[in-house]
Every structure is written in structure tokens, then in C-alpha cells.
């Protein structure tokens, strides 16, 4: 499943970095902390590698 916004893609990248051990889990906040605990490395990689071109910064809540 590709990321729906640039913010979601960035959060997935941060969570993936922590899951791989490149940065400590204690540095995660908000959505990235939740993603790191609830998603597999493959799912995070799929979200993080989505192209950002044409994506809104934040998806509208409607």
C-alpha cells in the first residue's frame, strides 16, 4: 500500500530507521512510534519508498 501523503511517508521512514536499529526508538514521536510497533519491516519499507512527487503534505480528514 503506497503512502497517501508526504507526512505518512516521512513517518514510515523514521519508523523503519528505528526498526532497523539505525536510530533509537526513544527518538520516535507520534505516528512513527505507533507505526514502528504495529507494522512489519516490509510494510514500513513499502510506505517509506513511495514517490513523494504529487503527494499532499497532509491528507485531508474528510
C-alpha atoms as a PDB file:
ATOM      1  CA  UNK A   1       0.000   0.000   0.000  1.00  0.00           C
ATOM      2  CA  UNK A   2       1.594   3.290  -1.036  1.00  0.00           C
ATOM      3  CA  UNK A   3       1.675   6.306   1.261  1.00  0.00           C
ATOM      4  CA  UNK A   4      -1.217   8.741   0.839  1.00  0.00           C
ATOM      5  CA  UNK A   5       0.746  11.836   1.916  1.00  0.00           C
ATOM      6  CA  UNK A   6       4.287  13.071   2.308  1.00  0.00           C
ATOM      7  CA  UNK A   7       3.853  13.166   6.097  1.00  0.00           C
ATOM      8  CA  UNK A   8       2.850   9.492   6.178  1.00  0.00           C
ATOM      9  CA  UNK A   9       5.847   8.604   4.019  1.00  0.00           C
ATOM     10  CA  UNK A  10       8.235  10.515   6.304  1.00  0.00           C
ATOM     11  CA  UNK A  11       6.788   8.883   9.438  1.00  0.00           C
ATOM     12  CA  UNK A  12       7.209   5.442   7.883  1.00  0.00           C
ATOM     13  CA  UNK A  13      10.834   6.260   7.053  1.00  0.00           C
ATOM     14  CA  UNK A  14      11.540   7.261  10.643  1.00  0.00           C
ATOM     15  CA  UNK A  15       9.844   4.120  11.983  1.00  0.00           C
ATOM     16  CA  UNK A  16      11.766   1.939   9.535  1.00  0.00           C
ATOM     17  CA  UNK A  17      15.044   3.514  10.651  1.00  0.00           C
ATOM     18  CA  UNK A  18      14.263   2.710  14.292  1.00  0.00           C
ATOM     19  CA  UNK A  19      13.119  -0.830  13.490  1.00  0.00           C
ATOM     20  CA  UNK A  20      16.420  -1.488  11.701  1.00  0.00           C
ATOM     21  CA  UNK A  21      18.369  -0.067  14.664  1.00  0.00           C
ATOM     22  CA  UNK A  22      19.773   2.979  12.843  1.00  0.00           C
ATOM     23  CA  UNK A  23      18.237   5.343  15.407  1.00  0.00           C
ATOM     24  CA  UNK A  24      16.917   4.740  18.933  1.00  0.00           C
ATOM     25  CA  UNK A  25      13.186   4.111  19.445  1.00  0.00           C
ATOM     26  CA  UNK A  26      13.179   6.839  22.093  1.00  0.00           C
ATOM     27  CA  UNK A  27      13.562   9.482  19.356  1.00  0.00           C
ATOM     28  CA  UNK A  28      10.264   8.481  17.706  1.00  0.00           C
ATOM     29  CA  UNK A  29       7.134  10.560  18.317  1.00  0.00           C
ATOM     30  CA  UNK A  30       3.505  10.397  17.254  1.00  0.00           C
ATOM     31  CA  UNK A  31       2.579   8.291  14.240  1.00  0.00           C
ATOM     32  CA  UNK A  32       6.094   6.957  13.662  1.00  0.00           C
ATOM     33  CA  UNK A  33       6.167   5.455  17.179  1.00  0.00           C
ATOM     34  CA  UNK A  34       2.845   3.686  16.555  1.00  0.00           C
ATOM     35  CA  UNK A  35       3.922   2.519  13.096  1.00  0.00           C
ATOM     36  CA  UNK A  36       7.172   1.057  14.434  1.00  0.00           C
ATOM     37  CA  UNK A  37       5.309  -1.115  16.932  1.00  0.00           C
ATOM     38  CA  UNK A  38       2.396  -2.215  14.763  1.00  0.00           C
ATOM     39  CA  UNK A  39       3.888  -2.733  11.280  1.00  0.00           C
ATOM     40  CA  UNK A  40       6.412  -5.180   9.865  1.00  0.00           C
ATOM     41  CA  UNK A  41       9.657  -4.024   8.284  1.00  0.00           C
ATOM     42  CA  UNK A  42       8.328  -4.930   4.823  1.00  0.00           C
ATOM     43  CA  UNK A  43       5.169  -2.842   5.314  1.00  0.00           C
ATOM     44  CA  UNK A  44       7.203   0.130   6.527  1.00  0.00           C
ATOM     45  CA  UNK A  45       9.596  -0.194   3.608  1.00  0.00           C
ATOM     46  CA  UNK A  46       6.698  -0.169   1.148  1.00  0.00           C
ATOM     47  CA  UNK A  47       5.291   3.038   2.679  1.00  0.00           C
ATOM     48  CA  UNK A  48       8.674   4.726   3.006  1.00  0.00           C
ATOM     49  CA  UNK A  49       9.684   4.067  -0.605  1.00  0.00           C
ATOM     50  CA  UNK A  50       6.591   5.703  -2.097  1.00  0.00           C
ATOM     51  CA  UNK A  51       7.398   8.524  -4.516  1.00  0.00           C
ATOM     52  CA  UNK A  52       6.654  11.880  -2.883  1.00  0.00           C
ATOM     53  CA  UNK A  53       6.051  13.833  -6.099  1.00  0.00           C
ATOM     54  CA  UNK A  54       2.408  14.886  -6.386  1.00  0.00           C
ATOM     55  CA  UNK A  55       1.511  13.861  -2.829  1.00  0.00           C
ATOM     56  CA  UNK A  56      -0.050  16.419  -0.490  1.00  0.00           C
ATOM     57  CA  UNK A  57       1.921  17.221   2.672  1.00  0.00           C
ATOM     58  CA  UNK A  58      -1.061  16.068   4.770  1.00  0.00           C
ATOM     59  CA  UNK A  59      -4.110  14.119   3.656  1.00  0.00           C
ATOM     60  CA  UNK A  60      -7.415  15.864   4.341  1.00  0.00           C
ATOM     61  CA  UNK A  61      -9.581  14.234   7.009  1.00  0.00           C
ATOM     62  CA  UNK A  62     -12.810  14.319   5.025  1.00  0.00           C
END
